Protein backbone atom coordinates (compact mmCIF):
# COMPACT_ATOMS: atom_id res chain seq x y z
CA MET A 1 29.32 -27.69 103.35
CA VAL A 2 27.03 -30.20 101.58
CA TYR A 3 24.96 -27.28 100.25
CA PHE A 4 27.96 -25.73 98.47
CA VAL A 5 29.17 -29.08 97.13
CA PHE A 6 25.82 -29.83 95.48
CA LEU A 7 25.48 -26.24 94.29
CA GLY A 8 28.89 -26.62 92.60
CA ILE A 9 28.08 -30.05 91.15
CA ALA A 10 24.84 -28.73 89.63
CA ILE A 11 26.57 -25.71 88.09
CA CYS A 12 29.48 -27.76 86.71
CA ALA A 13 27.29 -30.50 85.23
CA ASP A 14 24.99 -27.89 83.70
CA GLN A 15 27.69 -25.68 82.21
CA LEU A 16 29.84 -28.55 80.92
CA SER A 17 26.86 -30.18 79.21
CA LYS A 18 25.87 -26.85 77.63
CA GLN A 19 29.42 -26.26 76.41
CA TRP A 20 29.33 -29.67 74.74
CA ILE A 21 25.98 -28.86 73.07
CA LEU A 22 27.21 -25.45 71.90
CA GLY A 23 30.34 -27.02 70.43
CA SER A 24 28.57 -29.98 68.80
CA PHE A 25 25.24 -28.63 67.53
CA GLN A 26 23.96 -25.81 65.38
CA LEU A 27 21.04 -23.79 66.75
CA TYR A 28 17.80 -25.82 66.27
CA GLU A 29 19.72 -28.95 65.26
CA SER A 30 18.23 -32.15 66.63
CA ARG A 31 19.66 -35.65 66.90
CA GLU A 32 17.49 -38.64 67.68
CA ILE A 33 18.94 -40.74 70.52
CA ILE A 34 16.04 -43.06 71.38
CA PRO A 35 13.46 -43.14 68.56
CA SER A 36 10.09 -41.60 69.46
CA PHE A 37 11.29 -40.89 73.01
CA PHE A 38 14.50 -38.84 73.43
CA ASN A 39 16.43 -36.34 71.29
CA LEU A 40 19.28 -33.95 71.89
CA VAL A 41 18.45 -30.55 70.44
CA TYR A 42 20.00 -27.11 70.69
CA VAL A 43 17.39 -24.44 71.42
CA THR A 44 17.36 -21.30 73.51
CA ASN A 45 14.77 -19.95 75.92
CA SER A 46 14.62 -16.25 76.73
CA GLY A 47 11.61 -16.76 79.02
CA ALA A 48 10.97 -18.69 82.19
CA ALA A 49 10.19 -22.39 82.56
CA PHE A 50 8.52 -23.87 79.46
CA SER A 51 9.20 -20.58 77.62
CA MET A 52 6.67 -18.64 79.69
CA PHE A 53 7.02 -14.91 79.00
CA ALA A 54 9.43 -15.55 76.11
CA ASP A 55 7.17 -13.53 73.83
CA VAL A 56 7.12 -10.50 76.15
CA ASN A 57 8.99 -7.77 74.28
CA SER A 58 10.33 -5.72 77.14
CA PRO A 59 13.94 -4.71 77.66
CA TRP A 60 13.37 -5.41 81.36
CA ARG A 61 12.49 -9.10 80.89
CA HIS A 62 16.16 -10.15 80.89
CA TYR A 63 16.93 -8.17 84.07
CA PHE A 64 13.73 -9.40 85.71
CA PHE A 65 14.81 -13.04 85.29
CA LEU A 66 18.34 -12.26 86.47
CA GLY A 67 16.93 -10.53 89.56
CA ILE A 68 14.43 -13.30 90.36
CA GLY A 69 17.14 -15.95 90.00
CA THR A 70 19.53 -14.05 92.21
CA LEU A 71 16.87 -13.46 94.87
CA ALA A 72 16.00 -17.16 94.75
CA ILE A 73 19.62 -18.16 95.38
CA VAL A 74 19.89 -15.71 98.30
CA GLY A 75 16.61 -16.98 99.77
CA LEU A 76 17.60 -20.62 99.34
CA THR A 77 20.97 -19.99 100.98
CA VAL A 78 19.26 -18.36 103.96
CA ALA A 79 16.80 -21.29 104.14
CA TRP A 80 19.67 -23.79 104.08
CA TYR A 81 21.46 -21.92 106.86
CA ARG A 82 18.33 -22.12 109.01
CA LEU A 83 17.43 -25.72 108.14
CA LYS A 84 20.86 -27.39 108.07
CA ARG A 85 20.64 -28.46 111.72
CA GLU A 86 17.26 -30.15 111.25
CA ASN A 87 18.27 -32.54 108.49
CA SER A 88 21.52 -32.67 106.51
CA LEU A 89 19.58 -33.65 103.36
CA TYR A 90 18.30 -30.08 103.16
CA GLY A 91 21.80 -29.13 102.01
CA ILE A 92 21.54 -31.49 99.04
CA ALA A 93 18.04 -30.35 98.07
CA LEU A 94 18.66 -26.62 98.42
CA GLY A 95 22.12 -26.90 96.85
CA LEU A 96 20.64 -28.56 93.76
CA ILE A 97 17.93 -25.90 93.45
CA SER A 98 20.42 -23.06 93.91
CA GLY A 99 22.92 -24.63 91.53
CA GLY A 100 20.23 -25.03 88.89
CA ALA A 101 19.17 -21.42 89.28
CA ALA A 102 22.80 -20.31 89.08
CA GLY A 103 23.39 -22.37 85.93
CA ASN A 104 20.52 -20.66 84.17
CA ILE A 105 21.63 -17.23 85.41
CA ILE A 106 25.09 -17.88 83.95
CA ASP A 107 23.45 -18.62 80.58
CA ARG A 108 21.39 -15.42 80.71
CA ILE A 109 24.52 -13.40 81.41
CA ARG A 110 26.70 -15.16 78.81
CA TYR A 111 24.20 -15.74 75.99
CA GLY A 112 21.15 -13.58 76.77
CA SER A 113 18.97 -16.69 77.08
CA VAL A 114 19.05 -20.19 78.54
CA VAL A 115 20.46 -23.09 76.50
CA ASP A 116 18.11 -26.11 76.47
CA PHE A 117 18.88 -29.46 74.89
CA LEU A 118 17.10 -32.41 76.54
CA ASP A 119 14.04 -33.21 74.43
CA PHE A 120 11.57 -35.92 75.47
CA GLN A 121 8.37 -37.17 73.91
CA PHE A 122 6.04 -39.99 74.84
CA LYS A 123 2.96 -41.31 73.05
CA GLY A 124 2.39 -38.12 71.11
CA TYR A 125 3.12 -35.77 74.00
CA HIS A 126 6.19 -33.60 73.45
CA TRP A 127 7.72 -32.13 76.61
CA PRO A 128 9.40 -28.72 76.21
CA ALA A 129 13.20 -28.95 75.94
CA PHE A 130 15.12 -28.40 79.18
CA ASN A 131 18.65 -28.73 80.59
CA PHE A 132 20.56 -30.12 83.58
CA ALA A 133 19.97 -26.92 85.58
CA ASP A 134 16.22 -27.41 85.21
CA SER A 135 16.62 -31.06 86.23
CA ALA A 136 18.62 -30.08 89.31
CA ILE A 137 15.88 -27.63 90.31
CA CYS A 138 13.16 -30.29 89.92
CA VAL A 139 15.11 -33.05 91.70
CA GLY A 140 16.05 -30.63 94.50
CA ALA A 141 12.45 -29.46 94.89
CA GLY A 142 11.19 -33.05 95.00
CA LEU A 143 13.80 -34.00 97.59
CA PHE A 144 12.91 -30.90 99.61
CA LEU A 145 9.23 -31.93 99.68
CA ILE A 146 10.10 -35.49 100.73
CA ILE A 147 12.34 -34.21 103.53
CA ASN A 148 9.59 -31.89 104.73
CA ILE A 149 7.07 -34.73 104.84
CA ILE A 150 9.52 -36.87 106.84
CA GLU A 151 10.31 -33.99 109.23
CA VAL A 152 6.62 -33.19 109.79
CA ARG A 153 5.86 -36.84 110.57
CA LYS A 154 8.87 -37.03 112.88
CA THR A 155 7.74 -33.90 114.70
CA ALA A 156 4.18 -35.21 114.95
CA ASN A 157 5.43 -38.46 116.49
CA GLU A 158 7.58 -36.57 119.00
CA VAL A 159 4.60 -34.49 120.12
CA LYS A 160 2.49 -37.58 120.87
């Protein structure tokens, strides 16, 4: 059940934040929140992470990303089903990743591209804009790695 709760939380947080951006900003508008560090900006991304493949002019690109996202959610759901007995935290991690993927799929279906709006910079380095779905994917992936490290160590100690 934890998996579906975190999947839902990620989707809701992502879609509500994007609705606020769409209702409050014009495309490419930027508002400085913390000078020289954080802005809110409304941009779109028709590619993958960090706009990879955004310049590929193929009518199949859109369907490719929809298919990959859908396959990822199916694979993550199967992984959660298999791992849920090992550690309940897998439900949180995999739910966040799946919810993030679903949030971006919803954008691709509704708008044809993903809405990004979190814009960070630090000491001259400007990170590509992203959204809450992307954050959920990264936090979930990090948590998944930490859980795996803990489980491997636990298993190694049990074998001794």
